[in-house]
N, C-alpha and C. Protein backbone atom coordinates (compact mmCIF):
# COMPACT_ATOMS: atom_id res chain seq x y z
N LYS A 1 13.56 47.08 -17.17
CA LYS A 1 13.39 47.26 -16.00
C LYS A 1 11.88 47.99 -15.56
N SER A 2 12.28 49.29 -16.41
CA SER A 2 10.72 49.87 -15.94
C SER A 2 9.62 49.66 -16.39
N SER A 3 9.52 48.47 -17.47
CA SER A 3 8.23 47.81 -17.61
C SER A 3 8.03 46.88 -16.64
N SER A 4 9.01 46.43 -15.90
CA SER A 4 8.57 45.32 -15.01
C SER A 4 8.11 46.24 -13.59
N ASN A 5 8.67 47.20 -13.04
CA ASN A 5 8.07 48.11 -12.38
C ASN A 5 6.56 48.07 -12.75
N GLN A 6 6.24 48.83 -14.22
CA GLN A 6 5.06 49.60 -14.19
C GLN A 6 4.30 48.26 -14.17
N ALA A 7 4.38 46.82 -14.52
CA ALA A 7 3.66 45.79 -14.64
C ALA A 7 3.16 45.03 -13.18
N ILE A 8 4.44 45.52 -12.17
CA ILE A 8 3.94 45.11 -10.65
C ILE A 8 3.13 46.51 -10.21
N LYS A 9 3.31 47.29 -10.75
CA LYS A 9 2.41 48.49 -10.00
C LYS A 9 0.65 48.37 -10.47
N HIS A 10 1.09 47.54 -11.77
CA HIS A 10 -0.50 47.92 -12.23
C HIS A 10 -1.12 46.63 -12.10
N GLN A 11 -0.51 45.59 -11.65
CA GLN A 11 -0.86 44.30 -10.80
C GLN A 11 -1.25 44.79 -9.44
N SER A 12 -0.50 45.44 -8.72
CA SER A 12 -0.97 45.81 -7.40
C SER A 12 -1.99 46.57 -7.32
N SER A 13 -2.58 47.41 -7.91
CA SER A 13 -3.60 48.65 -8.31
C SER A 13 -4.27 47.56 -8.63
N SER A 14 -4.50 46.70 -9.49
CA SER A 14 -5.54 45.85 -9.89
C SER A 14 -6.02 45.03 -8.52
N SER A 15 -5.65 44.45 -8.10
CA SER A 15 -5.39 43.65 -6.81
C SER A 15 -6.71 44.31 -5.79
N SER A 16 -6.05 45.88 -5.35
CA SER A 16 -6.53 46.19 -4.48
C SER A 16 -7.94 47.02 -5.14
N ILE A 17 -8.07 47.07 -6.60
CA ILE A 17 -9.62 47.52 -7.02
C ILE A 17 -10.40 46.30 -6.69
N ILE A 18 -9.96 44.69 -6.90
CA ILE A 18 -10.80 43.81 -6.80
C ILE A 18 -11.09 43.57 -4.91
N ILE A 19 -9.96 44.02 -4.30
CA ILE A 19 -10.64 44.01 -2.66
C ILE A 19 -11.42 44.80 -2.44
N ILE A 20 -11.49 46.23 -3.14
CA ILE A 20 -12.04 47.28 -2.85
C ILE A 20 -13.46 46.81 -3.09
N MET A 21 -13.77 46.30 -4.58
CA MET A 21 -15.36 46.18 -5.24
C MET A 21 -15.65 44.72 -4.26
N SER A 22 -14.91 43.77 -3.94
CA SER A 22 -15.25 42.71 -3.19
C SER A 22 -16.20 43.02 -1.59
N ALA A 23 -15.29 43.84 -0.60
CA ALA A 23 -15.56 44.43 0.04
C ALA A 23 -17.27 45.48 0.09
N TRP A 24 -17.19 46.16 -1.39
CA TRP A 24 -18.47 47.26 -1.25
C TRP A 24 -19.21 46.03 -1.58
N ARG A 25 -19.14 44.94 -2.27
CA ARG A 25 -20.10 44.12 -2.65
C ARG A 25 -20.79 43.86 -1.46
N LYS A 26 -20.09 43.06 -0.50
CA LYS A 26 -20.59 42.60 0.84
C LYS A 26 -21.15 43.34 1.71
N ALA A 27 -20.95 44.69 1.57
CA ALA A 27 -21.24 45.65 2.48
C ALA A 27 -22.90 46.31 2.10
N LEU A 28 -23.01 46.19 0.78
CA LEU A 28 -23.98 47.07 0.14
C LEU A 28 -25.01 46.85 1.00
N SER A 29 -25.82 45.31 1.05
CA SER A 29 -27.14 45.36 1.71
C SER A 29 -27.30 45.55 2.92
N GLN A 30 -26.06 45.95 3.50
CA GLN A 30 -26.20 46.43 5.25
C GLN A 30 -26.88 47.77 5.20
N SER A 31 -26.60 48.52 4.15
CA SER A 31 -27.26 49.81 4.35
C SER A 31 -28.22 50.54 3.21
N VAL A 32 -28.02 49.85 2.13
CA VAL A 32 -29.11 49.84 0.85
C VAL A 32 -30.34 48.53 1.03
N GLN A 33 -31.25 49.30 0.79
CA GLN A 33 -32.81 48.54 0.35
C GLN A 33 -33.04 48.06 -0.95
N GLU A 34 -32.49 48.64 -1.60
CA GLU A 34 -32.73 48.53 -3.24
C GLU A 34 -31.89 49.65 -4.26
N LEU A 35 -31.57 48.86 -5.28
CA LEU A 35 -30.70 49.53 -5.78
C LEU A 35 -30.92 49.52 -7.25
N ARG A 36 -31.47 50.34 -8.49
CA ARG A 36 -31.96 50.54 -9.20
C ARG A 36 -30.78 51.24 -10.40
N LEU A 37 -30.69 50.47 -11.79
CA LEU A 37 -29.78 50.88 -12.30
C LEU A 37 -30.77 50.67 -13.84
N SER A 38 -30.76 51.96 -14.61
CA SER A 38 -31.48 51.89 -15.77
C SER A 38 -30.05 53.05 -17.29
N PHE A 39 -30.45 52.02 -18.35
CA PHE A 39 -29.23 52.53 -19.07
C PHE A 39 -30.14 51.78 -20.45
N CYS A 40 -29.43 52.79 -21.75
CA CYS A 40 -29.45 52.59 -22.75
C CYS A 40 -29.05 51.30 -23.43
N GLN A 41 -29.46 50.27 -24.20
CA GLN A 41 -28.67 49.15 -24.57
C GLN A 41 -27.98 49.31 -25.56
N THR A 42 -27.91 50.92 -26.36
CA THR A 42 -27.05 51.01 -27.58
C THR A 42 -26.36 52.62 -27.37
N SER A 43 -26.72 53.10 -26.28
CA SER A 43 -26.25 54.60 -26.34
C SER A 43 -24.49 54.39 -25.81
N ALA A 44 -23.56 55.59 -26.33
CA ALA A 44 -22.20 55.37 -25.79
C ALA A 44 -22.24 55.61 -24.48
N ALA A 45 -22.96 56.58 -23.99
CA ALA A 45 -23.27 56.99 -22.50
C ALA A 45 -23.53 56.10 -21.60
N SER A 46 -24.57 55.35 -22.15
CA SER A 46 -25.12 53.92 -21.09
C SER A 46 -23.44 53.06 -21.27
N LYS A 47 -22.44 52.74 -21.94
CA LYS A 47 -21.40 51.83 -22.06
C LYS A 47 -20.93 51.53 -20.95
N GLY A 48 -20.42 52.68 -19.95
CA GLY A 48 -19.75 52.15 -18.78
C GLY A 48 -20.66 51.37 -17.45
N LEU A 49 -21.97 51.74 -18.01
CA LEU A 49 -23.18 50.87 -16.63
C LEU A 49 -23.48 49.96 -17.70
N ARG A 50 -23.41 49.44 -18.52
CA ARG A 50 -23.97 48.08 -19.45
C ARG A 50 -22.66 47.07 -18.74
N ASP A 51 -21.53 47.96 -19.02
CA ASP A 51 -20.11 47.31 -18.76
C ASP A 51 -20.27 46.83 -17.35
N PHE A 52 -20.59 47.45 -16.60
CA PHE A 52 -20.52 47.14 -14.96
C PHE A 52 -21.75 46.09 -14.60
N VAL A 53 -22.88 46.34 -15.03
CA VAL A 53 -23.60 45.34 -15.01
C VAL A 53 -23.20 44.15 -15.34
N ALA A 54 -22.86 43.83 -16.73
CA ALA A 54 -22.29 42.62 -17.53
C ALA A 54 -21.19 41.96 -16.18
N LYS A 55 -20.59 42.85 -15.58
CA LYS A 55 -19.24 42.25 -15.17
C LYS A 55 -19.50 42.28 -13.44
N HIS A 56 -20.18 42.82 -12.93
CA HIS A 56 -20.59 42.75 -11.57
C HIS A 56 -21.63 42.18 -11.01
N TYR A 57 -22.91 42.17 -11.81
CA TYR A 57 -24.27 41.75 -11.26
C TYR A 57 -24.32 40.83 -10.56
N LYS A 58 -23.67 39.16 -11.38
CA LYS A 58 -23.80 38.17 -10.70
C LYS A 58 -23.00 38.21 -8.85
N GLY A 59 -21.78 38.78 -8.99
CA GLY A 59 -21.62 39.38 -7.67
C GLY A 59 -21.97 40.00 -6.71
N ILE A 60 -22.88 40.69 -7.27
CA ILE A 60 -23.66 41.32 -6.19
C ILE A 60 -24.72 40.69 -5.88
N LYS A 61 -25.58 39.80 -6.70
CA LYS A 61 -26.37 39.17 -5.90
C LYS A 61 -25.49 37.93 -4.97
N LYS A 62 -24.92 37.25 -5.48
CA LYS A 62 -24.19 36.37 -5.01
C LYS A 62 -24.19 37.09 -3.37
N ASP A 63 -23.09 37.92 -3.29
CA ASP A 63 -23.35 38.86 -1.81
C ASP A 63 -24.05 39.29 -1.10
N ASN A 64 -25.16 39.56 -1.67
CA ASN A 64 -26.53 40.18 -1.21
C ASN A 64 -27.69 39.28 -2.00
N PRO A 65 -28.14 38.49 -1.80
CA PRO A 65 -28.59 37.61 -2.34
C PRO A 65 -30.93 38.37 -2.02
N SER A 66 -30.92 39.12 -1.03
CA SER A 66 -31.72 39.46 -0.91
C SER A 66 -32.10 40.77 -0.90
N LEU A 67 -31.17 41.55 -1.59
CA LEU A 67 -31.03 42.48 -1.97
C LEU A 67 -31.43 42.69 -3.42
N PRO A 68 -32.68 43.53 -3.60
CA PRO A 68 -33.45 43.88 -5.03
C PRO A 68 -32.33 44.74 -5.73
N VAL A 69 -32.11 44.34 -6.96
CA VAL A 69 -31.38 44.90 -7.66
C VAL A 69 -32.05 44.69 -8.98
N LEU A 70 -32.71 46.40 -9.49
CA LEU A 70 -33.61 46.68 -10.43
C LEU A 70 -32.78 46.90 -12.04
N VAL A 71 -32.74 46.16 -12.63
CA VAL A 71 -31.79 46.59 -13.58
C VAL A 71 -33.02 46.72 -15.30
N ARG A 72 -32.94 48.25 -15.76
CA ARG A 72 -34.14 48.54 -16.16
C ARG A 72 -33.27 48.95 -17.66
N GLU A 73 -33.22 48.22 -18.89
CA GLU A 73 -32.67 48.75 -20.06
C GLU A 73 -34.18 49.52 -20.82
N CYS A 74 -34.08 50.73 -21.22
CA CYS A 74 -34.71 51.54 -21.75
C CYS A 74 -33.88 52.39 -22.86
N SER A 75 -34.49 52.43 -24.14
CA SER A 75 -33.85 52.86 -25.40
C SER A 75 -34.12 54.40 -25.44
N GLY A 76 -32.55 55.22 -25.53
CA GLY A 76 -32.58 56.56 -25.30
C GLY A 76 -32.32 57.10 -23.78
N VAL A 77 -32.42 56.35 -23.04
CA VAL A 77 -32.38 57.02 -21.49
C VAL A 77 -30.73 57.27 -21.18
N GLU A 78 -30.52 58.45 -20.14
CA GLU A 78 -29.24 58.39 -19.72
C GLU A 78 -29.12 57.38 -18.73
N PRO A 79 -28.11 56.88 -18.74
CA PRO A 79 -27.66 55.71 -17.42
C PRO A 79 -27.77 56.66 -15.78
N ARG A 80 -28.50 55.99 -15.78
CA ARG A 80 -28.93 56.24 -13.92
C ARG A 80 -28.71 55.24 -12.67
N VAL A 81 -28.02 55.34 -11.64
CA VAL A 81 -28.13 54.25 -10.47
C VAL A 81 -28.52 55.00 -9.43
N VAL A 82 -29.72 54.99 -8.68
CA VAL A 82 -30.30 54.96 -7.90
C VAL A 82 -30.10 53.94 -6.62
N ALA A 83 -29.47 54.20 -5.50
CA ALA A 83 -30.11 53.39 -4.64
C ALA A 83 -30.72 54.32 -3.21
N ARG A 84 -31.98 53.03 -2.90
CA ARG A 84 -32.59 53.73 -1.79
C ARG A 84 -31.95 52.77 -0.79
N TYR A 85 -31.74 53.86 0.16
CA TYR A 85 -30.93 53.39 1.85
C TYR A 85 -32.26 52.69 2.68
N ARG A 86 -31.78 52.11 3.57
CA ARG A 86 -32.65 51.72 4.87
C ARG A 86 -33.18 53.12 5.46
N ASN A 87 -33.21 53.92 5.39
CA ASN A 87 -33.76 54.97 6.28
C ASN A 87 -34.83 55.83 5.24
N ASP A 88 -35.52 54.63 3.91
CA ASP A 88 -36.03 55.14 2.70
C ASP A 88 -35.58 56.59 2.27
N ARG A 89 -34.30 56.96 1.85
CA ARG A 89 -34.21 58.07 1.19
C ARG A 89 -33.33 57.47 -0.19
N ASP A 90 -33.60 58.19 -1.16
CA ASP A 90 -32.66 57.57 -2.42
C ASP A 90 -31.94 58.71 -2.35
N CYS A 91 -30.76 57.77 -3.54
CA CYS A 91 -29.51 58.85 -3.68
C CYS A 91 -29.43 58.71 -5.03
N ASP A 92 -29.37 60.02 -5.87
CA ASP A 92 -29.45 59.26 -7.33
C ASP A 92 -28.16 59.75 -7.68
N CYS A 93 -27.12 58.12 -7.49
CA CYS A 93 -25.74 58.48 -7.96
C CYS A 93 -25.10 59.20 -8.90
N VAL A 94 -25.33 58.67 -10.31
CA VAL A 94 -24.97 59.42 -11.32
C VAL A 94 -25.39 61.05 -11.33
N ALA A 95 -26.29 61.06 -11.02
CA ALA A 95 -26.30 62.67 -11.00
C ALA A 95 -25.55 62.99 -10.05
N ALA A 96 -25.37 62.61 -8.96
CA ALA A 96 -24.43 63.20 -8.07
C ALA A 96 -23.00 63.34 -8.63
N VAL A 97 -22.42 62.40 -9.10
CA VAL A 97 -21.60 62.34 -9.77
C VAL A 97 -21.08 63.47 -10.92
N SER A 98 -22.06 63.34 -11.93
CA SER A 98 -22.43 64.24 -12.75
C SER A 98 -22.16 65.99 -12.31
N ARG A 99 -22.53 66.18 -11.23
CA ARG A 99 -22.86 67.65 -10.69
C ARG A 99 -21.47 68.16 -10.25
N ASN A 100 -20.60 66.90 -9.71
CA ASN A 100 -19.14 67.04 -9.09
C ASN A 100 -18.81 67.18 -10.12
N GLN A 101 -18.37 66.73 -11.17
CA GLN A 101 -17.72 66.69 -12.20
C GLN A 101 -17.71 68.30 -12.96
N SER A 102 -18.71 68.88 -13.11
CA SER A 102 -18.99 70.13 -13.71
C SER A 102 -18.50 71.14 -13.14
């Protein structure tokens, strides 16, 4: 019985994540002028961003066809996501997350 409840909770949380990602993707071009992603093709530090690009790039472009999404793979670089907002301000998203975690 408990494994059944866990499966239902997991399924519910997965559905919530999908809905949030879909809403996020559709709203992206309303405030973001350009999205830049750079990462290493092989490093463990870049695995999360590589996986994100592989899983979500097509959906982001489908929902935001006029939004420039620049993907740069460079050997040995730290993963980085930079969003340029409509007011011409940049937000280095990965650096912001790293600072908040330390």
